[in-house]
Amino acid sequence: MKQTDGELALSVAKKSMKIVIFIGMCAVVLLMINIYVMMTQITASAQLSRKLYVLEQALVQNQEDRLVEQAKSKSIKK
């Protein structure tokens, strides 16, 4: 059976729509993966910033404690 031009055009249009839908779904999946990676990076960056802040506060507290100890030892020596 020979297809008419109209049937051939309809067949090609259906196949092209399937291809477009498939590519669209692939794009959505890749977009979701990209968003997941970005959120993971943001979370990791926030955790690193928090750890850095805690370490800085511990260092400041340690320095203050040393200064207090030195001041006490100097006052006792006098």
PDB file of N, CA and C in Angstrom:
ATOM      1  N   MET A   1       0.823  -1.182   0.000  1.00  0.00           N
ATOM      2  CA  MET A   1       0.000   0.000   0.000  1.00  0.00           C
ATOM      3  C   MET A   1       0.869   1.248   0.000  1.00  0.00           C
ATOM      4  N   LYS A   2       0.510   2.128  -0.852  1.00  0.00           N
ATOM      5  CA  LYS A   2       1.266   3.364  -0.966  1.00  0.00           C
ATOM      6  C   LYS A   2       0.578   4.432  -0.134  1.00  0.00           C
ATOM      7  N   GLN A   3       1.417   5.167   0.651  1.00  0.00           N
ATOM      8  CA  GLN A   3       0.861   6.238   1.483  1.00  0.00           C
ATOM      9  C   GLN A   3       0.685   7.493   0.643  1.00  0.00           C
ATOM     10  N   THR A   4      -0.383   8.190   0.927  1.00  0.00           N
ATOM     11  CA  THR A   4      -0.581   9.470   0.252  1.00  0.00           C
ATOM     12  C   THR A   4       0.271  10.521   0.952  1.00  0.00           C
ATOM     13  N   ASP A   5       0.364  11.649   0.307  1.00  0.00           N
ATOM     14  CA  ASP A   5       1.171  12.724   0.883  1.00  0.00           C
ATOM     15  C   ASP A   5       0.649  13.161   2.245  1.00  0.00           C
ATOM     16  N   GLY A   6      -0.636  13.190   2.413  1.00  0.00           N
ATOM     17  CA  GLY A   6      -1.238  13.597   3.682  1.00  0.00           C
ATOM     18  C   GLY A   6      -0.914  12.618   4.803  1.00  0.00           C
ATOM     19  N   GLU A   7      -1.015  11.299   4.478  1.00  0.00           N
ATOM     20  CA  GLU A   7      -0.708  10.281   5.479  1.00  0.00           C
ATOM     21  C   GLU A   7       0.765  10.312   5.848  1.00  0.00           C
ATOM     22  N   LEU A   8       1.618  10.535   4.859  1.00  0.00           N
ATOM     23  CA  LEU A   8       3.058  10.616   5.105  1.00  0.00           C
ATOM     24  C   LEU A   8       3.382  11.817   5.988  1.00  0.00           C
ATOM     25  N   ALA A   9       2.753  12.934   5.711  1.00  0.00           N
ATOM     26  CA  ALA A   9       2.980  14.139   6.513  1.00  0.00           C
ATOM     27  C   ALA A   9       2.509  13.924   7.945  1.00  0.00           C
ATOM     28  N   LEU A  10       1.363  13.267   8.116  1.00  0.00           N
ATOM     29  CA  LEU A  10       0.841  12.987   9.449  1.00  0.00           C
ATOM     30  C   LEU A  10       1.775  12.049  10.210  1.00  0.00           C
ATOM     31  N   SER A  11       2.281  11.053   9.521  1.00  0.00           N
ATOM     32  CA  SER A  11       3.214  10.101  10.136  1.00  0.00           C
ATOM     33  C   SER A  11       4.493  10.800  10.589  1.00  0.00           C
ATOM     34  N   VAL A  12       5.017  11.645   9.736  1.00  0.00           N
ATOM     35  CA  VAL A  12       6.238  12.382  10.084  1.00  0.00           C
ATOM     36  C   VAL A  12       5.973  13.341  11.246  1.00  0.00           C
ATOM     37  N   ALA A  13       4.824  13.977  11.251  1.00  0.00           N
ATOM     38  CA  ALA A  13       4.472  14.900  12.328  1.00  0.00           C
ATOM     39  C   ALA A  13       4.364  14.159  13.656  1.00  0.00           C
ATOM     40  N   LYS A  14       3.756  12.969  13.655  1.00  0.00           N
ATOM     41  CA  LYS A  14       3.635  12.185  14.891  1.00  0.00           C
ATOM     42  C   LYS A  14       5.009  11.781  15.416  1.00  0.00           C
ATOM     43  N   LYS A  15       5.880  11.341  14.523  1.00  0.00           N
ATOM     44  CA  LYS A  15       7.224  10.936  14.944  1.00  0.00           C
ATOM     45  C   LYS A  15       8.007  12.126  15.478  1.00  0.00           C
ATOM     46  N   SER A  16       7.854  13.261  14.816  1.00  0.00           N
ATOM     47  CA  SER A  16       8.585  14.447  15.281  1.00  0.00           C
ATOM     48  C   SER A  16       8.064  14.908  16.640  1.00  0.00           C
ATOM     49  N   MET A  17       6.770  14.782  16.883  1.00  0.00           N
ATOM     50  CA  MET A  17       6.214  15.139  18.190  1.00  0.00           C
ATOM     51  C   MET A  17       6.747  14.217  19.283  1.00  0.00           C
ATOM     52  N   LYS A  18       6.866  12.933  18.976  1.00  0.00           N
ATOM     53  CA  LYS A  18       7.426  11.996  19.948  1.00  0.00           C
ATOM     54  C   LYS A  18       8.872  12.364  20.277  1.00  0.00           C
ATOM     55  N   ILE A  19       9.624  12.751  19.262  1.00  0.00           N
ATOM     56  CA  ILE A  19      11.019  13.153  19.473  1.00  0.00           C
ATOM     57  C   ILE A  19      11.081  14.415  20.335  1.00  0.00           C
ATOM     58  N   VAL A  20      10.230  15.387  20.048  1.00  0.00           N
ATOM     59  CA  VAL A  20      10.203  16.637  20.806  1.00  0.00           C
ATOM     60  C   VAL A  20       9.834  16.374  22.261  1.00  0.00           C
ATOM     61  N   ILE A  21       8.852  15.525  22.490  1.00  0.00           N
ATOM     62  CA  ILE A  21       8.445  15.202  23.860  1.00  0.00           C
ATOM     63  C   ILE A  21       9.577  14.490  24.590  1.00  0.00           C
ATOM     64  N   PHE A  22      10.252  13.570  23.933  1.00  0.00           N
ATOM     65  CA  PHE A  22      11.376  12.857  24.539  1.00  0.00           C
ATOM     66  C   PHE A  22      12.504  13.820  24.911  1.00  0.00           C
ATOM     67  N   ILE A  23      12.840  14.711  23.994  1.00  0.00           N
ATOM     68  CA  ILE A  23      13.899  15.689  24.270  1.00  0.00           C
ATOM     69  C   ILE A  23      13.487  16.621  25.415  1.00  0.00           C
ATOM     70  N   GLY A  24      12.220  17.014  25.430  1.00  0.00           N
ATOM     71  CA  GLY A  24      11.719  17.852  26.523  1.00  0.00           C
ATOM     72  C   GLY A  24      11.827  17.156  27.868  1.00  0.00           C
ATOM     73  N   MET A  25      11.487  15.868  27.914  1.00  0.00           N
ATOM     74  CA  MET A  25      11.609  15.110  29.165  1.00  0.00           C
ATOM     75  C   MET A  25      13.067  14.993  29.600  1.00  0.00           C
ATOM     76  N   CYS A  26      13.948  14.771  28.653  1.00  0.00           N
ATOM     77  CA  CYS A  26      15.376  14.704  28.969  1.00  0.00           C
ATOM     78  C   CYS A  26      15.859  16.039  29.530  1.00  0.00           C
ATOM     79  N   ALA A  27      15.399  17.131  28.958  1.00  0.00           N
ATOM     80  CA  ALA A  27      15.793  18.453  29.446  1.00  0.00           C
ATOM     81  C   ALA A  27      15.300  18.681  30.868  1.00  0.00           C
ATOM     82  N   VAL A  28      14.088  18.241  31.168  1.00  0.00           N
ATOM     83  CA  VAL A  28      13.543  18.391  32.522  1.00  0.00           C
ATOM     84  C   VAL A  28      14.357  17.570  33.521  1.00  0.00           C
ATOM     85  N   VAL A  29      14.718  16.351  33.148  1.00  0.00           N
ATOM     86  CA  VAL A  29      15.529  15.506  34.037  1.00  0.00           C
ATOM     87  C   VAL A  29      16.885  16.154  34.295  1.00  0.00           C
ATOM     88  N   LEU A  30      17.516  16.658  33.245  1.00  0.00           N
ATOM     89  CA  LEU A  30      18.813  17.320  33.420  1.00  0.00           C
ATOM     90  C   LEU A  30      18.684  18.568  34.279  1.00  0.00           C
ATOM     91  N   LEU A  31      17.603  19.306  34.127  1.00  0.00           N
ATOM     92  CA  LEU A  31      17.361  20.492  34.952  1.00  0.00           C
ATOM     93  C   LEU A  31      17.203  20.108  36.420  1.00  0.00           C
ATOM     94  N   MET A  32      16.488  19.038  36.687  1.00  0.00           N
ATOM     95  CA  MET A  32      16.313  18.584  38.065  1.00  0.00           C
ATOM     96  C   MET A  32      17.639  18.147  38.674  1.00  0.00           C
ATOM     97  N   ILE A  33      18.469  17.469  37.903  1.00  0.00           N
ATOM     98  CA  ILE A  33      19.795  17.065  38.391  1.00  0.00           C
ATOM     99  C   ILE A  33      20.629  18.301  38.699  1.00  0.00           C
ATOM    100  N   ASN A  34      20.567  19.294  37.830  1.00  0.00           N
ATOM    101  CA  ASN A  34      21.313  20.532  38.027  1.00  0.00           C
ATOM    102  C   ASN A  34      20.867  21.242  39.304  1.00  0.00           C
ATOM    103  N   ILE A  35      19.578  21.312  39.537  1.00  0.00           N
ATOM    104  CA  ILE A  35      19.056  21.957  40.750  1.00  0.00           C
ATOM    105  C   ILE A  35      19.504  21.189  41.987  1.00  0.00           C
ATOM    106  N   TYR A  36      19.485  19.864  41.931  1.00  0.00           N
ATOM    107  CA  TYR A  36      19.926  19.055  43.060  1.00  0.00           C
ATOM    108  C   TYR A  36      21.398  19.317  43.386  1.00  0.00           C
ATOM    109  N   VAL A  37      22.238  19.360  42.363  1.00  0.00           N
ATOM    110  CA  VAL A  37      23.664  19.613  42.571  1.00  0.00           C
ATOM    111  C   VAL A  37      23.880  20.998  43.163  1.00  0.00           C
ATOM    112  N   MET A  38      23.167  21.988  42.657  1.00  0.00           N
ATOM    113  CA  MET A  38      23.310  23.348  43.186  1.00  0.00           C
ATOM    114  C   MET A  38      22.886  23.424  44.648  1.00  0.00           C
ATOM    115  N   MET A  39      21.795  22.768  45.002  1.00  0.00           N
ATOM    116  CA  MET A  39      21.337  22.787  46.393  1.00  0.00           C
ATOM    117  C   MET A  39      22.328  22.068  47.295  1.00  0.00           C
ATOM    118  N   THR A  40      22.922  20.989  46.805  1.00  0.00           N
ATOM    119  CA  THR A  40      23.941  20.281  47.576  1.00  0.00           C
ATOM    120  C   THR A  40      25.153  21.169  47.810  1.00  0.00           C
ATOM    121  N   GLN A  41      25.574  21.898  46.791  1.00  0.00           N
ATOM    122  CA  GLN A  41      26.710  22.805  46.933  1.00  0.00           C
ATOM    123  C   GLN A  41      26.399  23.932  47.904  1.00  0.00           C
ATOM    124  N   ILE A  42      25.198  24.464  47.856  1.00  0.00           N
ATOM    125  CA  ILE A  42      24.813  25.537  48.771  1.00  0.00           C
ATOM    126  C   ILE A  42      24.822  25.030  50.208  1.00  0.00           C
ATOM    127  N   THR A  43      24.296  23.832  50.425  1.00  0.00           N
ATOM    128  CA  THR A  43      24.267  23.253  51.764  1.00  0.00           C
ATOM    129  C   THR A  43      25.685  23.022  52.279  1.00  0.00           C
ATOM    130  N   ALA A  44      26.544  22.492  51.434  1.00  0.00           N
ATOM    131  CA  ALA A  44      27.929  22.241  51.841  1.00  0.00           C
ATOM    132  C   ALA A  44      28.639  23.553  52.162  1.00  0.00           C
ATOM    133  N   SER A  45      28.402  24.561  51.371  1.00  0.00           N
ATOM    134  CA  SER A  45      29.024  25.864  51.608  1.00  0.00           C
ATOM    135  C   SER A  45      28.540  26.463  52.930  1.00  0.00           C
ATOM    136  N   ALA A  46      27.263  26.330  53.218  1.00  0.00           N
ATOM    137  CA  ALA A  46      26.713  26.846  54.473  1.00  0.00           C
ATOM    138  C   ALA A  46      27.304  26.107  55.665  1.00  0.00           C
ATOM    139  N   GLN A  47      27.467  24.795  55.545  1.00  0.00           N
ATOM    140  CA  GLN A  47      28.055  24.027  56.645  1.00  0.00           C
ATOM    141  C   GLN A  47      29.507  24.421  56.870  1.00  0.00           C
ATOM    142  N   LEU A  48      30.244  24.638  55.787  1.00  0.00           N
ATOM    143  CA  LEU A  48      31.637  25.071  55.929  1.00  0.00           C
ATOM    144  C   LEU A  48      31.723  26.445  56.583  1.00  0.00           C
ATOM    145  N   SER A  49      30.840  27.341  56.205  1.00  0.00           N
ATOM    146  CA  SER A  49      30.832  28.671  56.800  1.00  0.00           C
ATOM    147  C   SER A  49      30.529  28.595  58.290  1.00  0.00           C
ATOM    148  N   ARG A  50      29.590  27.747  58.645  1.00  0.00           N
ATOM    149  CA  ARG A  50      29.239  27.597  60.064  1.00  0.00           C
ATOM    150  C   ARG A  50      30.412  27.019  60.852  1.00  0.00           C
ATOM    151  N   LYS A  51      31.076  25.998  60.316  1.00  0.00           N
ATOM    152  CA  LYS A  51      32.229  25.411  61.001  1.00  0.00           C
ATOM    153  C   LYS A  51      33.343  26.438  61.153  1.00  0.00           C
ATOM    154  N   LEU A  52      33.567  27.228  60.122  1.00  0.00           N
ATOM    155  CA  LEU A  52      34.592  28.264  60.184  1.00  0.00           C
ATOM    156  C   LEU A  52      34.258  29.283  61.261  1.00  0.00           C
ATOM    157  N   TYR A  53      33.001  29.677  61.356  1.00  0.00           N
ATOM    158  CA  TYR A  53      32.571  30.628  62.380  1.00  0.00           C
ATOM    159  C   TYR A  53      32.793  30.057  63.779  1.00  0.00           C
ATOM    160  N   VAL A  54      32.442  28.787  63.969  1.00  0.00           N
ATOM    161  CA  VAL A  54      32.625  28.152  65.276  1.00  0.00           C
ATOM    162  C   VAL A  54      34.106  28.097  65.632  1.00  0.00           C
ATOM    163  N   LEU A  55      34.952  27.744  64.672  1.00  0.00           N
ATOM    164  CA  LEU A  55      36.401  27.690  64.930  1.00  0.00           C
ATOM    165  C   LEU A  55      36.952  29.074  65.262  1.00  0.00           C
ATOM    166  N   GLU A  56      36.507  30.098  64.555  1.00  0.00           N
ATOM    167  CA  GLU A  56      36.963  31.456  64.842  1.00  0.00           C
ATOM    168  C   GLU A  56      36.552  31.879  66.249  1.00  0.00           C
ATOM    169  N   GLN A  57      35.325  31.558  66.635  1.00  0.00           N
ATOM    170  CA  GLN A  57      34.861  31.904  67.975  1.00  0.00           C
ATOM    171  C   GLN A  57      35.674  31.166  69.031  1.00  0.00           C
ATOM    172  N   ALA A  58      36.014  29.912  68.776  1.00  0.00           N
ATOM    173  CA  ALA A  58      36.831  29.142  69.723  1.00  0.00           C
ATOM    174  C   ALA A  58      38.222  29.752  69.840  1.00  0.00           C
ATOM    175  N   LEU A  59      38.796  30.188  68.736  1.00  0.00           N
ATOM    176  CA  LEU A  59      40.115  30.824  68.779  1.00  0.00           C
ATOM    177  C   LEU A  59      40.076  32.137  69.543  1.00  0.00           C
ATOM    178  N   VAL A  60      39.062  32.924  69.316  1.00  0.00           N
ATOM    179  CA  VAL A  60      38.926  34.200  70.028  1.00  0.00           C
ATOM    180  C   VAL A  60      38.788  33.938  71.523  1.00  0.00           C
ATOM    181  N   GLN A  61      37.977  32.966  71.894  1.00  0.00           N
ATOM    182  CA  GLN A  61      37.783  32.629  73.306  1.00  0.00           C
ATOM    183  C   GLN A  61      39.095  32.140  73.913  1.00  0.00           C
ATOM    184  N   ASN A  62      39.830  31.341  73.167  1.00  0.00           N
ATOM    185  CA  ASN A  62      41.112  30.823  73.642  1.00  0.00           C
ATOM    186  C   ASN A  62      42.098  31.972  73.864  1.00  0.00           C
ATOM    187  N   GLN A  63      42.137  32.926  72.939  1.00  0.00           N
ATOM    188  CA  GLN A  63      43.029  34.070  73.088  1.00  0.00           C
ATOM    189  C   GLN A  63      42.632  34.913  74.299  1.00  0.00           C
ATOM    190  N   GLU A  64      41.339  35.106  74.487  1.00  0.00           N
ATOM    191  CA  GLU A  64      40.885  35.879  75.645  1.00  0.00           C
ATOM    192  C   GLU A  64      41.261  35.171  76.940  1.00  0.00           C
ATOM    193  N   ASP A  65      41.113  33.857  76.977  1.00  0.00           N
ATOM    194  CA  ASP A  65      41.483  33.098  78.171  1.00  0.00           C
ATOM    195  C   ASP A  65      42.972  33.218  78.457  1.00  0.00           C
ATOM    196  N   ARG A  66      43.789  33.173  77.415  1.00  0.00           N
ATOM    197  CA  ARG A  66      45.241  33.321  77.609  1.00  0.00           C
ATOM    198  C   ARG A  66      45.583  34.705  78.145  1.00  0.00           C
ATOM    199  N   LEU A  67      44.932  35.744  77.624  1.00  0.00           N
ATOM    200  CA  LEU A  67      45.196  37.097  78.108  1.00  0.00           C
ATOM    201  C   LEU A  67      44.810  37.234  79.578  1.00  0.00           C
ATOM    202  N   VAL A  68      43.693  36.640  79.948  1.00  0.00           N
ATOM    203  CA  VAL A  68      43.265  36.678  81.349  1.00  0.00           C
ATOM    204  C   VAL A  68      44.264  35.942  82.217  1.00  0.00           C
ATOM    205  N   GLU A  69      44.732  34.782  81.769  1.00  0.00           N
ATOM    206  CA  GLU A  69      45.733  34.012  82.516  1.00  0.00           C
ATOM    207  C   GLU A  69      47.024  34.809  82.684  1.00  0.00           C
ATOM    208  N   GLN A  70      47.459  35.471  81.629  1.00  0.00           N
ATOM    209  CA  GLN A  70      48.679  36.270  81.695  1.00  0.00           C
ATOM    210  C   GLN A  70      48.504  37.443  82.656  1.00  0.00           C
ATOM    211  N   ALA A  71      47.361  38.076  82.601  1.00  0.00           N
ATOM    212  CA  ALA A  71      47.098  39.208  83.500  1.00  0.00           C
ATOM    213  C   ALA A  71      47.079  38.728  84.953  1.00  0.00           C
ATOM    214  N   LYS A  72      46.492  37.581  85.210  1.00  0.00           N
ATOM    215  CA  LYS A  72      46.468  37.036  86.578  1.00  0.00           C
ATOM    216  C   LYS A  72      47.874  36.700  87.060  1.00  0.00           C
ATOM    217  N   SER A  73      48.651  36.083  86.169  1.00  0.00           N
ATOM    218  CA  SER A  73      50.009  35.689  86.578  1.00  0.00           C
ATOM    219  C   SER A  73      50.882  36.924  86.813  1.00  0.00           C
ATOM    220  N   LYS A  74      50.684  37.996  86.067  1.00  0.00           N
ATOM    221  CA  LYS A  74      51.455  39.215  86.278  1.00  0.00           C
ATOM    222  C   LYS A  74      51.040  39.897  87.575  1.00  0.00           C
ATOM    223  N   SER A  75      49.753  39.872  87.878  1.00  0.00           N
ATOM    224  CA  SER A  75      49.290  40.507  89.118  1.00  0.00           C
ATOM    225  C   SER A  75      49.737  39.717  90.343  1.00  0.00           C
ATOM    226  N   ILE A  76      49.862  38.413  90.222  1.00  0.00           N
ATOM    227  CA  ILE A  76      50.319  37.586  91.338  1.00  0.00           C
ATOM    228  C   ILE A  76      51.822  37.820  91.573  1.00  0.00           C
ATOM    229  N   LYS A  77      52.604  37.990  90.509  1.00  0.00           N
ATOM    230  CA  LYS A  77      54.047  38.213  90.621  1.00  0.00           C
ATOM    231  C   LYS A  77      54.351  39.549  91.283  1.00  0.00           C
ATOM    232  N   LYS A  78      53.494  40.532  91.132  1.00  0.00           N
ATOM    233  CA  LYS A  78      53.756  41.865  91.687  1.00  0.00           C
ATOM    234  C   LYS A  78      53.561  41.832  93.129  1.00  0.00           C
TER     235      LYS A  78
END
